[in-house]
Amino acid sequence: GEEAVELDRNQPIVDMLERERRDIVTTIEKIKTGTYGICSDCSNIINPARLKALPAASLCISCANKTKL
């Protein structure tokens, strides 16, 4: 009863933490392979200010904006 309700309530947090974990693992792999800071879509360099604000960013601002449309 209560445990199922608690699990349902916590699932969005678990999902968010899992996404963050995947982002961190991907970022570490990019650092190891020398591709960190390169846009996954257009291969341009991601602005260092963007990486400072969002270290796991895989897209430059232009490509990130395209995916929002």
PDB file of N, CA and C in Angstrom:
ATOM      1  N   GLY A   1       0.780  -1.180   0.000  1.00  0.00           N
ATOM      2  CA  GLY A   1       0.000   0.000   0.000  1.00  0.00           C
ATOM      3  C   GLY A   1       0.831   1.258   0.000  1.00  0.00           C
ATOM      4  N   GLU A   2       1.295   1.640   1.180  1.00  0.00           N
ATOM      5  CA  GLU A   2       2.044   2.894   1.315  1.00  0.00           C
ATOM      6  C   GLU A   2       3.362   2.859   0.557  1.00  0.00           C
ATOM      7  N   GLU A   3       4.004   1.700   0.513  1.00  0.00           N
ATOM      8  CA  GLU A   3       5.277   1.583  -0.195  1.00  0.00           C
ATOM      9  C   GLU A   3       5.102   1.835  -1.687  1.00  0.00           C
ATOM     10  N   ALA A   4       4.020   1.334  -2.257  1.00  0.00           N
ATOM     11  CA  ALA A   4       3.751   1.539  -3.684  1.00  0.00           C
ATOM     12  C   ALA A   4       3.496   3.013  -3.971  1.00  0.00           C
ATOM     13  N   VAL A   5       2.780   3.676  -3.084  1.00  0.00           N
ATOM     14  CA  VAL A   5       2.513   5.105  -3.242  1.00  0.00           C
ATOM     15  C   VAL A   5       3.816   5.883  -3.156  1.00  0.00           C
ATOM     16  N   GLU A   6       4.665   5.517  -2.200  1.00  0.00           N
ATOM     17  CA  GLU A   6       5.960   6.184  -2.025  1.00  0.00           C
ATOM     18  C   GLU A   6       6.833   5.980  -3.263  1.00  0.00           C
ATOM     19  N   LEU A   7       6.836   4.773  -3.807  1.00  0.00           N
ATOM     20  CA  LEU A   7       7.610   4.488  -5.016  1.00  0.00           C
ATOM     21  C   LEU A   7       7.105   5.323  -6.184  1.00  0.00           C
ATOM     22  N   ASP A   8       5.794   5.399  -6.349  1.00  0.00           N
ATOM     23  CA  ASP A   8       5.209   6.212  -7.423  1.00  0.00           C
ATOM     24  C   ASP A   8       5.591   7.678  -7.256  1.00  0.00           C
ATOM     25  N   ARG A   9       5.611   8.156  -6.034  1.00  0.00           N
ATOM     26  CA  ARG A   9       5.940   9.546  -5.753  1.00  0.00           C
ATOM     27  C   ARG A   9       7.411   9.833  -6.036  1.00  0.00           C
ATOM     28  N   ASN A  10       8.262   8.861  -5.789  1.00  0.00           N
ATOM     29  CA  ASN A  10       9.700   9.047  -5.959  1.00  0.00           C
ATOM     30  C   ASN A  10      10.197   8.728  -7.365  1.00  0.00           C
ATOM     31  N   GLN A  11       9.378   8.089  -8.190  1.00  0.00           N
ATOM     32  CA  GLN A  11       9.835   7.662  -9.516  1.00  0.00           C
ATOM     33  C   GLN A  11      10.360   8.812 -10.379  1.00  0.00           C
ATOM     34  N   PRO A  12       9.710   9.972 -10.402  1.00  0.00           N
ATOM     35  CA  PRO A  12      10.289  11.070 -11.196  1.00  0.00           C
ATOM     36  C   PRO A  12      11.691  11.473 -10.738  1.00  0.00           C
ATOM     37  N   ILE A  13      11.939  11.419  -9.440  1.00  0.00           N
ATOM     38  CA  ILE A  13      13.263  11.751  -8.911  1.00  0.00           C
ATOM     39  C   ILE A  13      14.261  10.683  -9.339  1.00  0.00           C
ATOM     40  N   VAL A  14      13.876   9.432  -9.242  1.00  0.00           N
ATOM     41  CA  VAL A  14      14.740   8.328  -9.665  1.00  0.00           C
ATOM     42  C   VAL A  14      15.068   8.462 -11.150  1.00  0.00           C
ATOM     43  N   ASP A  15      14.076   8.773 -11.961  1.00  0.00           N
ATOM     44  CA  ASP A  15      14.285   8.939 -13.404  1.00  0.00           C
ATOM     45  C   ASP A  15      15.257  10.087 -13.687  1.00  0.00           C
ATOM     46  N   MET A  16      15.093  11.209 -12.992  1.00  0.00           N
ATOM     47  CA  MET A  16      15.966  12.363 -13.186  1.00  0.00           C
ATOM     48  C   MET A  16      17.407  12.020 -12.800  1.00  0.00           C
ATOM     49  N   LEU A  17      17.577  11.340 -11.667  1.00  0.00           N
ATOM     50  CA  LEU A  17      18.914  10.963 -11.220  1.00  0.00           C
ATOM     51  C   LEU A  17      19.562   9.977 -12.187  1.00  0.00           C
ATOM     52  N   GLU A  18      18.779   9.085 -12.764  1.00  0.00           N
ATOM     53  CA  GLU A  18      19.310   8.137 -13.743  1.00  0.00           C
ATOM     54  C   GLU A  18      19.761   8.865 -15.005  1.00  0.00           C
ATOM     55  N   ARG A  19      18.989   9.851 -15.455  1.00  0.00           N
ATOM     56  CA  ARG A  19      19.399  10.649 -16.619  1.00  0.00           C
ATOM     57  C   ARG A  19      20.694  11.398 -16.322  1.00  0.00           C
ATOM     58  N   GLU A  20      20.786  11.974 -15.139  1.00  0.00           N
ATOM     59  CA  GLU A  20      21.999  12.689 -14.752  1.00  0.00           C
ATOM     60  C   GLU A  20      23.196  11.752 -14.692  1.00  0.00           C
ATOM     61  N   ARG A  21      23.002  10.554 -14.172  1.00  0.00           N
ATOM     62  CA  ARG A  21      24.081   9.562 -14.117  1.00  0.00           C
ATOM     63  C   ARG A  21      24.550   9.205 -15.524  1.00  0.00           C
ATOM     64  N   ARG A  22      23.603   8.981 -16.440  1.00  0.00           N
ATOM     65  CA  ARG A  22      23.961   8.671 -17.831  1.00  0.00           C
ATOM     66  C   ARG A  22      24.716   9.834 -18.465  1.00  0.00           C
ATOM     67  N   ASP A  23      24.271  11.064 -18.188  1.00  0.00           N
ATOM     68  CA  ASP A  23      24.960  12.244 -18.724  1.00  0.00           C
ATOM     69  C   ASP A  23      26.396  12.321 -18.213  1.00  0.00           C
ATOM     70  N   ILE A  24      26.602  12.031 -16.947  1.00  0.00           N
ATOM     71  CA  ILE A  24      27.938  12.070 -16.362  1.00  0.00           C
ATOM     72  C   ILE A  24      28.827  10.996 -16.984  1.00  0.00           C
ATOM     73  N   VAL A  25      28.303   9.792 -17.127  1.00  0.00           N
ATOM     74  CA  VAL A  25      29.080   8.707 -17.738  1.00  0.00           C
ATOM     75  C   VAL A  25      29.443   9.074 -19.178  1.00  0.00           C
ATOM     76  N   THR A  26      28.495   9.616 -19.922  1.00  0.00           N
ATOM     77  CA  THR A  26      28.757  10.026 -21.301  1.00  0.00           C
ATOM     78  C   THR A  26      29.813  11.120 -21.349  1.00  0.00           C
ATOM     79  N   THR A  27      29.718  12.087 -20.443  1.00  0.00           N
ATOM     80  CA  THR A  27      30.689  13.180 -20.393  1.00  0.00           C
ATOM     81  C   THR A  27      32.088  12.656 -20.086  1.00  0.00           C
ATOM     82  N   ILE A  28      32.196  11.739 -19.164  1.00  0.00           N
ATOM     83  CA  ILE A  28      33.500  11.154 -18.831  1.00  0.00           C
ATOM     84  C   ILE A  28      34.080  10.426 -20.048  1.00  0.00           C
ATOM     85  N   GLU A  29      33.252   9.701 -20.770  1.00  0.00           N
ATOM     86  CA  GLU A  29      33.714   9.009 -21.975  1.00  0.00           C
ATOM     87  C   GLU A  29      34.197  10.006 -23.031  1.00  0.00           C
ATOM     88  N   LYS A  30      33.474  11.113 -23.176  1.00  0.00           N
ATOM     89  CA  LYS A  30      33.885  12.141 -24.134  1.00  0.00           C
ATOM     90  C   LYS A  30      35.231  12.748 -23.738  1.00  0.00           C
ATOM     91  N   ILE A  31      35.429  12.966 -22.454  1.00  0.00           N
ATOM     92  CA  ILE A  31      36.708  13.497 -21.981  1.00  0.00           C
ATOM     93  C   ILE A  31      37.825  12.501 -22.321  1.00  0.00           C
ATOM     94  N   LYS A  32      37.578  11.223 -22.068  1.00  0.00           N
ATOM     95  CA  LYS A  32      38.583  10.188 -22.341  1.00  0.00           C
ATOM     96  C   LYS A  32      38.924  10.095 -23.826  1.00  0.00           C
ATOM     97  N   THR A  33      37.922  10.292 -24.686  1.00  0.00           N
ATOM     98  CA  THR A  33      38.149  10.148 -26.129  1.00  0.00           C
ATOM     99  C   THR A  33      38.526  11.456 -26.806  1.00  0.00           C
ATOM    100  N   GLY A  34      38.551  12.541 -26.031  1.00  0.00           N
ATOM    101  CA  GLY A  34      38.940  13.831 -26.596  1.00  0.00           C
ATOM    102  C   GLY A  34      37.840  14.518 -27.384  1.00  0.00           C
ATOM    103  N   THR A  35      36.598  14.102 -27.182  1.00  0.00           N
ATOM    104  CA  THR A  35      35.489  14.720 -27.910  1.00  0.00           C
ATOM    105  C   THR A  35      34.623  15.617 -27.027  1.00  0.00           C
ATOM    106  N   TYR A  36      35.046  15.828 -25.787  1.00  0.00           N
ATOM    107  CA  TYR A  36      34.281  16.699 -24.890  1.00  0.00           C
ATOM    108  C   TYR A  36      34.319  18.127 -25.417  1.00  0.00           C
ATOM    109  N   GLY A  37      33.171  18.777 -25.427  1.00  0.00           N
ATOM    110  CA  GLY A  37      33.081  20.162 -25.880  1.00  0.00           C
ATOM    111  C   GLY A  37      32.814  20.296 -27.366  1.00  0.00           C
ATOM    112  N   ILE A  38      32.592  19.167 -28.024  1.00  0.00           N
ATOM    113  CA  ILE A  38      32.270  19.183 -29.449  1.00  0.00           C
ATOM    114  C   ILE A  38      30.804  18.789 -29.601  1.00  0.00           C
ATOM    115  N   CYS A  39      30.062  19.595 -30.343  1.00  0.00           N
ATOM    116  CA  CYS A  39      28.630  19.354 -30.533  1.00  0.00           C
ATOM    117  C   CYS A  39      28.405  18.002 -31.201  1.00  0.00           C
ATOM    118  N   SER A  40      27.516  17.223 -30.629  1.00  0.00           N
ATOM    119  CA  SER A  40      27.195  15.901 -31.162  1.00  0.00           C
ATOM    120  C   SER A  40      26.447  15.974 -32.486  1.00  0.00           C
ATOM    121  N   ASP A  41      25.855  17.105 -32.767  1.00  0.00           N
ATOM    122  CA  ASP A  41      25.053  17.249 -33.985  1.00  0.00           C
ATOM    123  C   ASP A  41      25.871  17.837 -35.135  1.00  0.00           C
ATOM    124  N   CYS A  42      26.481  19.000 -34.917  1.00  0.00           N
ATOM    125  CA  CYS A  42      27.151  19.712 -36.016  1.00  0.00           C
ATOM    126  C   CYS A  42      28.676  19.642 -35.953  1.00  0.00           C
ATOM    127  N   SER A  43      29.219  19.099 -34.889  1.00  0.00           N
ATOM    128  CA  SER A  43      30.669  18.953 -34.674  1.00  0.00           C
ATOM    129  C   SER A  43      31.400  20.275 -34.438  1.00  0.00           C
ATOM    130  N   ASN A  44      30.682  21.358 -34.218  1.00  0.00           N
ATOM    131  CA  ASN A  44      31.309  22.626 -33.845  1.00  0.00           C
ATOM    132  C   ASN A  44      31.674  22.590 -32.366  1.00  0.00           C
ATOM    133  N   ILE A  45      32.569  23.486 -31.975  1.00  0.00           N
ATOM    134  CA  ILE A  45      32.958  23.576 -30.569  1.00  0.00           C
ATOM    135  C   ILE A  45      31.820  24.215 -29.776  1.00  0.00           C
ATOM    136  N   ILE A  46      31.512  23.618 -28.633  1.00  0.00           N
ATOM    137  CA  ILE A  46      30.490  24.166 -27.740  1.00  0.00           C
ATOM    138  C   ILE A  46      31.133  25.301 -26.945  1.00  0.00           C
ATOM    139  N   ASN A  47      30.435  26.424 -26.873  1.00  0.00           N
ATOM    140  CA  ASN A  47      30.930  27.595 -26.159  1.00  0.00           C
ATOM    141  C   ASN A  47      31.327  27.212 -24.730  1.00  0.00           C
ATOM    142  N   PRO A  48      32.542  27.579 -24.310  1.00  0.00           N
ATOM    143  CA  PRO A  48      32.987  27.254 -22.950  1.00  0.00           C
ATOM    144  C   PRO A  48      32.045  27.773 -21.861  1.00  0.00           C
ATOM    145  N   ALA A  49      31.406  28.918 -22.080  1.00  0.00           N
ATOM    146  CA  ALA A  49      30.453  29.431 -21.087  1.00  0.00           C
ATOM    147  C   ALA A  49      29.268  28.476 -20.939  1.00  0.00           C
ATOM    148  N   ARG A  50      28.840  27.884 -22.049  1.00  0.00           N
ATOM    149  CA  ARG A  50      27.744  26.905 -21.998  1.00  0.00           C
ATOM    150  C   ARG A  50      28.190  25.674 -21.220  1.00  0.00           C
ATOM    151  N   LEU A  51      29.410  25.209 -21.473  1.00  0.00           N
ATOM    152  CA  LEU A  51      29.908  24.040 -20.757  1.00  0.00           C
ATOM    153  C   LEU A  51      30.098  24.325 -19.272  1.00  0.00           C
ATOM    154  N   LYS A  52      30.454  25.564 -18.956  1.00  0.00           N
ATOM    155  CA  LYS A  52      30.601  25.917 -17.541  1.00  0.00           C
ATOM    156  C   LYS A  52      29.240  25.865 -16.844  1.00  0.00           C
ATOM    157  N   ALA A  53      28.209  26.344 -17.534  1.00  0.00           N
ATOM    158  CA  ALA A  53      26.859  26.350 -16.960  1.00  0.00           C
ATOM    159  C   ALA A  53      26.230  24.961 -16.979  1.00  0.00           C
ATOM    160  N   LEU A  54      26.545  24.191 -18.024  1.00  0.00           N
ATOM    161  CA  LEU A  54      25.939  22.869 -18.207  1.00  0.00           C
ATOM    162  C   LEU A  54      27.034  21.908 -18.673  1.00  0.00           C
ATOM    163  N   PRO A  55      27.854  21.398 -17.735  1.00  0.00           N
ATOM    164  CA  PRO A  55      29.021  20.596 -18.103  1.00  0.00           C
ATOM    165  C   PRO A  55      28.707  19.375 -18.968  1.00  0.00           C
ATOM    166  N   ALA A  56      27.511  18.843 -18.881  1.00  0.00           N
ATOM    167  CA  ALA A  56      27.168  17.656 -19.667  1.00  0.00           C
ATOM    168  C   ALA A  56      26.535  18.010 -21.012  1.00  0.00           C
ATOM    169  N   ALA A  57      26.572  19.284 -21.389  1.00  0.00           N
ATOM    170  CA  ALA A  57      25.967  19.688 -22.664  1.00  0.00           C
ATOM    171  C   ALA A  57      26.627  18.925 -23.810  1.00  0.00           C
ATOM    172  N   SER A  58      25.804  18.357 -24.662  1.00  0.00           N
ATOM    173  CA  SER A  58      26.333  17.626 -25.817  1.00  0.00           C
ATOM    174  C   SER A  58      26.041  18.365 -27.120  1.00  0.00           C
ATOM    175  N   LEU A  59      25.269  19.447 -27.023  1.00  0.00           N
ATOM    176  CA  LEU A  59      24.912  20.231 -28.196  1.00  0.00           C
ATOM    177  C   LEU A  59      25.307  21.690 -28.011  1.00  0.00           C
ATOM    178  N   CYS A  60      25.714  22.326 -29.095  1.00  0.00           N
ATOM    179  CA  CYS A  60      25.947  23.769 -29.046  1.00  0.00           C
ATOM    180  C   CYS A  60      24.589  24.472 -28.936  1.00  0.00           C
ATOM    181  N   ILE A  61      24.590  25.741 -28.659  1.00  0.00           N
ATOM    182  CA  ILE A  61      23.343  26.489 -28.489  1.00  0.00           C
ATOM    183  C   ILE A  61      22.472  26.396 -29.748  1.00  0.00           C
ATOM    184  N   SER A  62      23.073  26.544 -30.914  1.00  0.00           N
ATOM    185  CA  SER A  62      22.300  26.500 -32.163  1.00  0.00           C
ATOM    186  C   SER A  62      21.572  25.177 -32.326  1.00  0.00           C
ATOM    187  N   CYS A  63      22.273  24.088 -32.110  1.00  0.00           N
ATOM    188  CA  CYS A  63      21.660  22.758 -32.267  1.00  0.00           C
ATOM    189  C   CYS A  63      20.661  22.485 -31.154  1.00  0.00           C
ATOM    190  N   ALA A  64      20.956  22.951 -29.939  1.00  0.00           N
ATOM    191  CA  ALA A  64      20.019  22.767 -28.832  1.00  0.00           C
ATOM    192  C   ALA A  64      18.720  23.495 -29.113  1.00  0.00           C
ATOM    193  N   ASN A  65      18.820  24.698 -29.685  1.00  0.00           N
ATOM    194  CA  ASN A  65      17.614  25.465 -30.025  1.00  0.00           C
ATOM    195  C   ASN A  65      16.816  24.787 -31.126  1.00  0.00           C
ATOM    196  N   LYS A  66      17.493  24.144 -32.075  1.00  0.00           N
ATOM    197  CA  LYS A  66      16.795  23.432 -33.158  1.00  0.00           C
ATOM    198  C   LYS A  66      15.977  22.276 -32.613  1.00  0.00           C
ATOM    199  N   THR A  67      16.498  21.588 -31.601  1.00  0.00           N
ATOM    200  CA  THR A  67      15.793  20.432 -31.067  1.00  0.00           C
ATOM    201  C   THR A  67      14.565  20.847 -30.257  1.00  0.00           C
ATOM    202  N   LYS A  68      14.521  22.105 -29.821  1.00  0.00           N
ATOM    203  CA  LYS A  68      13.379  22.603 -29.045  1.00  0.00           C
ATOM    204  C   LYS A  68      12.197  22.936 -29.936  1.00  0.00           C
ATOM    205  N   LEU A  69      12.449  23.177 -31.214  1.00  0.00           N
ATOM    206  CA  LEU A  69      11.372  23.585 -32.121  1.00  0.00           C
ATOM    207  C   LEU A  69      10.452  22.472 -32.456  1.00  0.00           C
TER     208      LEU A  69
END
